Amino acid sequence: MRVLLGCLLCLMTCSVSAAIDINTATEVQLQSVKGIGPSKAKSIVQYRTRHGAFRTVGELANVRGFGGKTLTRLQGELSVSGAGNAWSQQAPLAQAPATSTDHAMKSVKKKGH
């Protein structure tokens, strides 16, 4: 009986929260995570719209306002659909847009100079 009461008490006092999926969450849902306000939530949704689904939670490092400390603090609060352990995967680096110099160099290489 004591064990049953102890389990019941634990269930009543322990809060279980599921990680928020950054690929499907709305701005409002993202804001339910402590440390993500309206600005960061909007940045996540904008990044996702422009670049497609996140492959890892670590990819948030490419989003304005998210650095290493923030990502560490949010560990366990966020998830990525279809990912096993997204925190153990390294975030891909964002590729810089091509410049006019890049295009000129390609042109020179094609001509054989």
N, C-alpha and C. Protein backbone atom coordinates (compact mmCIF):
# COMPACT_ATOMS: atom_id res chain seq x y z
N MET A 1 0.82 -1.18 0.00
CA MET A 1 0.00 0.00 0.00
C MET A 1 0.87 1.26 0.00
N ARG A 2 1.95 1.24 0.79
CA ARG A 2 2.86 2.39 0.81
C ARG A 2 3.49 2.63 -0.55
N VAL A 3 3.85 1.56 -1.23
CA VAL A 3 4.46 1.67 -2.54
C VAL A 3 3.47 2.31 -3.52
N LEU A 4 2.22 1.87 -3.45
CA LEU A 4 1.19 2.42 -4.33
C LEU A 4 0.99 3.91 -4.06
N LEU A 5 0.94 4.29 -2.78
CA LEU A 5 0.79 5.70 -2.44
C LEU A 5 2.00 6.51 -2.87
N GLY A 6 3.17 5.94 -2.73
CA GLY A 6 4.39 6.62 -3.15
C GLY A 6 4.41 6.85 -4.66
N CYS A 7 4.00 5.86 -5.41
CA CYS A 7 3.93 6.00 -6.87
C CYS A 7 2.91 7.04 -7.27
N LEU A 8 1.77 7.03 -6.61
CA LEU A 8 0.72 8.00 -6.90
C LEU A 8 1.19 9.41 -6.59
N LEU A 9 1.86 9.59 -5.48
CA LEU A 9 2.40 10.89 -5.10
C LEU A 9 3.44 11.36 -6.11
N CYS A 10 4.28 10.45 -6.55
CA CYS A 10 5.30 10.80 -7.53
C CYS A 10 4.66 11.24 -8.83
N LEU A 11 3.66 10.53 -9.29
CA LEU A 11 2.98 10.89 -10.52
C LEU A 11 2.31 12.26 -10.43
N MET A 12 1.82 12.59 -9.27
CA MET A 12 1.13 13.87 -9.09
C MET A 12 2.12 15.03 -9.03
N THR A 13 3.33 14.79 -8.54
CA THR A 13 4.29 15.88 -8.36
C THR A 13 5.30 15.98 -9.49
N CYS A 14 5.53 14.90 -10.21
CA CYS A 14 6.50 14.91 -11.31
C CYS A 14 5.81 15.41 -12.57
N SER A 15 6.48 16.31 -13.25
CA SER A 15 5.91 16.76 -14.52
C SER A 15 6.69 16.13 -15.65
N VAL A 16 5.97 15.62 -16.59
CA VAL A 16 6.58 15.00 -17.75
C VAL A 16 6.25 15.86 -18.95
N SER A 17 7.28 16.33 -19.63
CA SER A 17 7.03 17.16 -20.80
C SER A 17 7.72 16.55 -22.00
N ALA A 18 7.03 16.57 -23.10
CA ALA A 18 7.60 16.05 -24.34
C ALA A 18 8.41 17.14 -25.01
N ALA A 19 9.45 16.74 -25.69
CA ALA A 19 10.28 17.71 -26.41
C ALA A 19 9.47 18.29 -27.58
N ILE A 20 9.68 19.56 -27.85
CA ILE A 20 9.00 20.24 -28.94
C ILE A 20 9.76 19.96 -30.24
N ASP A 21 9.04 19.51 -31.25
CA ASP A 21 9.64 19.22 -32.56
C ASP A 21 9.79 20.52 -33.34
N ILE A 22 11.02 20.94 -33.58
CA ILE A 22 11.26 22.23 -34.24
C ILE A 22 10.89 22.20 -35.72
N ASN A 23 10.61 21.03 -36.27
CA ASN A 23 10.19 20.95 -37.67
C ASN A 23 8.69 21.11 -37.85
N THR A 24 7.93 20.94 -36.79
CA THR A 24 6.48 21.01 -36.91
C THR A 24 5.84 22.06 -36.00
N ALA A 25 6.58 22.55 -35.03
CA ALA A 25 6.02 23.47 -34.04
C ALA A 25 5.71 24.84 -34.64
N THR A 26 4.63 25.43 -34.13
CA THR A 26 4.28 26.80 -34.50
C THR A 26 5.08 27.76 -33.62
N GLU A 27 5.02 29.04 -33.94
CA GLU A 27 5.71 30.04 -33.11
C GLU A 27 5.20 29.97 -31.67
N VAL A 28 3.90 29.82 -31.50
CA VAL A 28 3.30 29.77 -30.16
C VAL A 28 3.82 28.55 -29.41
N GLN A 29 3.89 27.40 -30.07
CA GLN A 29 4.39 26.19 -29.42
C GLN A 29 5.86 26.33 -29.05
N LEU A 30 6.64 26.94 -29.92
CA LEU A 30 8.06 27.15 -29.62
C LEU A 30 8.24 28.06 -28.41
N GLN A 31 7.37 29.04 -28.27
CA GLN A 31 7.46 29.98 -27.14
C GLN A 31 7.13 29.32 -25.81
N SER A 32 6.55 28.13 -25.85
CA SER A 32 6.25 27.43 -24.59
C SER A 32 7.52 26.86 -23.97
N VAL A 33 8.61 26.86 -24.71
CA VAL A 33 9.90 26.39 -24.20
C VAL A 33 10.60 27.55 -23.51
N LYS A 34 11.00 27.34 -22.26
CA LYS A 34 11.69 28.38 -21.51
C LYS A 34 12.98 28.75 -22.24
N GLY A 35 13.15 30.03 -22.53
CA GLY A 35 14.34 30.49 -23.24
C GLY A 35 14.08 30.83 -24.70
N ILE A 36 12.87 30.49 -25.18
CA ILE A 36 12.51 30.85 -26.55
C ILE A 36 11.33 31.82 -26.48
N GLY A 37 11.63 33.07 -26.83
CA GLY A 37 10.60 34.09 -26.85
C GLY A 37 10.07 34.29 -28.26
N PRO A 38 9.26 35.32 -28.45
CA PRO A 38 8.67 35.58 -29.77
C PRO A 38 9.71 35.76 -30.88
N SER A 39 10.79 36.46 -30.59
CA SER A 39 11.81 36.73 -31.60
C SER A 39 12.51 35.45 -32.05
N LYS A 40 12.94 34.62 -31.11
CA LYS A 40 13.62 33.37 -31.46
C LYS A 40 12.67 32.40 -32.14
N ALA A 41 11.43 32.35 -31.67
CA ALA A 41 10.44 31.46 -32.30
C ALA A 41 10.22 31.86 -33.75
N LYS A 42 10.10 33.15 -34.00
CA LYS A 42 9.91 33.65 -35.36
C LYS A 42 11.13 33.31 -36.23
N SER A 43 12.33 33.47 -35.67
CA SER A 43 13.56 33.16 -36.41
C SER A 43 13.63 31.67 -36.79
N ILE A 44 13.20 30.80 -35.89
CA ILE A 44 13.20 29.36 -36.17
C ILE A 44 12.26 29.05 -37.34
N VAL A 45 11.05 29.59 -37.28
CA VAL A 45 10.06 29.33 -38.33
C VAL A 45 10.53 29.91 -39.67
N GLN A 46 11.12 31.10 -39.64
CA GLN A 46 11.62 31.71 -40.88
C GLN A 46 12.76 30.88 -41.47
N TYR A 47 13.67 30.43 -40.65
CA TYR A 47 14.79 29.60 -41.12
C TYR A 47 14.24 28.31 -41.75
N ARG A 48 13.29 27.70 -41.06
CA ARG A 48 12.70 26.44 -41.54
C ARG A 48 12.00 26.65 -42.88
N THR A 49 11.33 27.79 -43.04
CA THR A 49 10.63 28.10 -44.29
C THR A 49 11.61 28.31 -45.43
N ARG A 50 12.71 28.99 -45.17
CA ARG A 50 13.71 29.29 -46.21
C ARG A 50 14.60 28.11 -46.56
N HIS A 51 14.96 27.30 -45.56
CA HIS A 51 15.98 26.26 -45.76
C HIS A 51 15.43 24.84 -45.70
N GLY A 52 14.17 24.68 -45.37
CA GLY A 52 13.60 23.34 -45.25
C GLY A 52 13.75 22.81 -43.83
N ALA A 53 13.37 21.57 -43.65
CA ALA A 53 13.36 20.96 -42.32
C ALA A 53 14.76 20.88 -41.72
N PHE A 54 14.81 21.00 -40.41
CA PHE A 54 16.06 20.82 -39.67
C PHE A 54 16.42 19.35 -39.70
N ARG A 55 17.70 19.05 -39.89
CA ARG A 55 18.16 17.67 -39.84
C ARG A 55 18.59 17.30 -38.44
N THR A 56 19.05 18.29 -37.67
CA THR A 56 19.45 18.08 -36.28
C THR A 56 19.03 19.30 -35.47
N VAL A 57 18.91 19.13 -34.18
CA VAL A 57 18.63 20.27 -33.32
C VAL A 57 19.83 21.21 -33.32
N GLY A 58 21.02 20.66 -33.46
CA GLY A 58 22.24 21.45 -33.50
C GLY A 58 22.27 22.43 -34.66
N GLU A 59 21.48 22.19 -35.69
CA GLU A 59 21.41 23.09 -36.83
C GLU A 59 20.83 24.45 -36.43
N LEU A 60 20.21 24.52 -35.26
CA LEU A 60 19.72 25.81 -34.75
C LEU A 60 20.87 26.82 -34.60
N ALA A 61 22.10 26.34 -34.56
CA ALA A 61 23.25 27.24 -34.47
C ALA A 61 23.31 28.17 -35.68
N ASN A 62 22.66 27.79 -36.78
CA ASN A 62 22.61 28.62 -37.97
C ASN A 62 21.52 29.69 -37.90
N VAL A 63 20.70 29.63 -36.87
CA VAL A 63 19.59 30.57 -36.71
C VAL A 63 20.03 31.73 -35.82
N ARG A 64 19.69 32.94 -36.23
CA ARG A 64 20.05 34.14 -35.47
C ARG A 64 19.53 34.01 -34.03
N GLY A 65 20.42 34.26 -33.08
CA GLY A 65 20.04 34.22 -31.67
C GLY A 65 20.36 32.93 -30.95
N PHE A 66 20.87 31.94 -31.67
CA PHE A 66 21.17 30.65 -31.06
C PHE A 66 22.67 30.38 -31.11
N GLY A 67 23.28 30.33 -29.94
CA GLY A 67 24.69 30.00 -29.82
C GLY A 67 24.84 28.72 -29.04
N GLY A 68 26.07 28.39 -28.74
CA GLY A 68 26.36 27.15 -28.02
C GLY A 68 25.72 27.08 -26.65
N LYS A 69 25.75 28.18 -25.90
CA LYS A 69 25.17 28.19 -24.55
C LYS A 69 23.67 27.98 -24.61
N THR A 70 23.03 28.65 -25.55
CA THR A 70 21.57 28.51 -25.68
C THR A 70 21.21 27.09 -26.06
N LEU A 71 21.93 26.51 -27.00
CA LEU A 71 21.65 25.14 -27.42
C LEU A 71 21.85 24.15 -26.28
N THR A 72 22.89 24.35 -25.50
CA THR A 72 23.14 23.48 -24.36
C THR A 72 22.01 23.58 -23.35
N ARG A 73 21.56 24.80 -23.11
CA ARG A 73 20.47 25.03 -22.14
C ARG A 73 19.17 24.40 -22.62
N LEU A 74 18.94 24.36 -23.92
CA LEU A 74 17.69 23.84 -24.47
C LEU A 74 17.73 22.34 -24.74
N GLN A 75 18.87 21.72 -24.50
CA GLN A 75 19.01 20.28 -24.73
C GLN A 75 17.92 19.53 -23.98
N GLY A 76 17.26 18.64 -24.65
CA GLY A 76 16.18 17.87 -24.03
C GLY A 76 14.82 18.52 -24.19
N GLU A 77 14.79 19.81 -24.47
CA GLU A 77 13.53 20.53 -24.65
C GLU A 77 13.04 20.47 -26.09
N LEU A 78 13.98 20.27 -27.02
CA LEU A 78 13.66 20.31 -28.44
C LEU A 78 14.02 18.99 -29.11
N SER A 79 13.31 18.69 -30.20
CA SER A 79 13.61 17.48 -30.96
C SER A 79 13.43 17.79 -32.45
N VAL A 80 13.86 16.84 -33.26
CA VAL A 80 13.70 16.94 -34.71
C VAL A 80 13.02 15.65 -35.16
N SER A 81 11.91 15.79 -35.88
CA SER A 81 11.19 14.60 -36.32
C SER A 81 12.07 13.74 -37.21
N GLY A 82 12.02 12.44 -36.96
CA GLY A 82 12.79 11.50 -37.75
C GLY A 82 14.22 11.32 -37.31
N ALA A 83 14.66 12.04 -36.27
CA ALA A 83 16.05 11.94 -35.81
C ALA A 83 16.11 11.09 -34.55
N GLY A 84 17.12 10.24 -34.48
CA GLY A 84 17.30 9.43 -33.28
C GLY A 84 17.80 10.29 -32.15
N ASN A 85 19.09 10.55 -32.12
CA ASN A 85 19.67 11.42 -31.11
C ASN A 85 20.28 12.62 -31.81
N ALA A 86 19.46 13.62 -32.02
CA ALA A 86 19.88 14.78 -32.81
C ALA A 86 21.01 15.56 -32.14
N TRP A 87 21.16 15.45 -30.84
CA TRP A 87 22.21 16.22 -30.16
C TRP A 87 23.59 15.64 -30.41
N SER A 88 23.67 14.36 -30.73
CA SER A 88 24.99 13.77 -30.94
C SER A 88 25.48 13.98 -32.36
N GLN A 89 24.61 14.48 -33.23
CA GLN A 89 25.02 14.73 -34.60
C GLN A 89 25.52 16.16 -34.72
N GLN A 90 26.55 16.35 -35.49
CA GLN A 90 27.11 17.69 -35.65
C GLN A 90 26.26 18.47 -36.63
N ALA A 91 26.00 19.73 -36.32
CA ALA A 91 25.20 20.59 -37.19
C ALA A 91 25.99 20.91 -38.45
N PRO A 92 25.32 20.83 -39.60
CA PRO A 92 26.02 21.20 -40.83
C PRO A 92 26.27 22.69 -40.86
N LEU A 93 27.39 23.09 -41.44
CA LEU A 93 27.70 24.51 -41.54
C LEU A 93 26.94 25.12 -42.69
N ALA A 94 26.48 26.33 -42.50
CA ALA A 94 25.76 27.03 -43.56
C ALA A 94 26.75 27.39 -44.66
N GLN A 95 26.35 27.23 -45.89
CA GLN A 95 27.22 27.56 -47.02
C GLN A 95 26.98 29.01 -47.40
N ALA A 96 28.06 29.75 -47.55
CA ALA A 96 27.96 31.16 -47.92
C ALA A 96 27.49 31.27 -49.36
N PRO A 97 26.68 32.31 -49.67
CA PRO A 97 26.23 32.48 -51.04
C PRO A 97 27.41 32.80 -51.97
N ALA A 98 27.28 32.40 -53.21
CA ALA A 98 28.33 32.63 -54.20
C ALA A 98 28.47 34.13 -54.47
N THR A 99 29.71 34.57 -54.66
CA THR A 99 29.98 35.98 -54.94
C THR A 99 30.33 36.14 -56.40
N SER A 100 30.41 37.38 -56.85
CA SER A 100 30.79 37.62 -58.25
C SER A 100 32.20 37.11 -58.52
N THR A 101 33.07 37.13 -57.51
CA THR A 101 34.43 36.60 -57.66
C THR A 101 34.37 35.10 -57.91
N ASP A 102 33.48 34.40 -57.20
CA ASP A 102 33.33 32.95 -57.41
C ASP A 102 32.92 32.66 -58.85
N HIS A 103 31.98 33.44 -59.37
CA HIS A 103 31.51 33.24 -60.74
C HIS A 103 32.63 33.54 -61.74
N ALA A 104 33.41 34.59 -61.49
CA ALA A 104 34.52 34.94 -62.38
C ALA A 104 35.57 33.84 -62.39
N MET A 105 35.86 33.25 -61.24
CA MET A 105 36.86 32.18 -61.15
C MET A 105 36.39 30.95 -61.92
N LYS A 106 35.10 30.64 -61.84
CA LYS A 106 34.57 29.50 -62.59
C LYS A 106 34.70 29.75 -64.08
N SER A 107 34.46 30.97 -64.50
CA SER A 107 34.55 31.34 -65.91
C SER A 107 35.99 31.18 -66.40
N VAL A 108 36.96 31.62 -65.59
CA VAL A 108 38.37 31.51 -65.96
C VAL A 108 38.78 30.06 -66.04
N LYS A 109 38.33 29.23 -65.10
CA LYS A 109 38.68 27.80 -65.10
C LYS A 109 38.13 27.11 -66.32
N LYS A 110 36.92 27.47 -66.74
CA LYS A 110 36.30 26.85 -67.91
C LYS A 110 37.09 27.18 -69.19
N LYS A 111 37.66 28.39 -69.26
CA LYS A 111 38.38 28.81 -70.44
C LYS A 111 39.80 28.22 -70.47
N GLY A 112 40.19 27.62 -69.35
CA GLY A 112 41.49 26.95 -69.30
C GLY A 112 42.63 27.87 -68.94
N HIS A 113 42.37 28.98 -68.32
CA HIS A 113 43.44 29.92 -67.93
C HIS A 113 43.95 29.60 -66.58
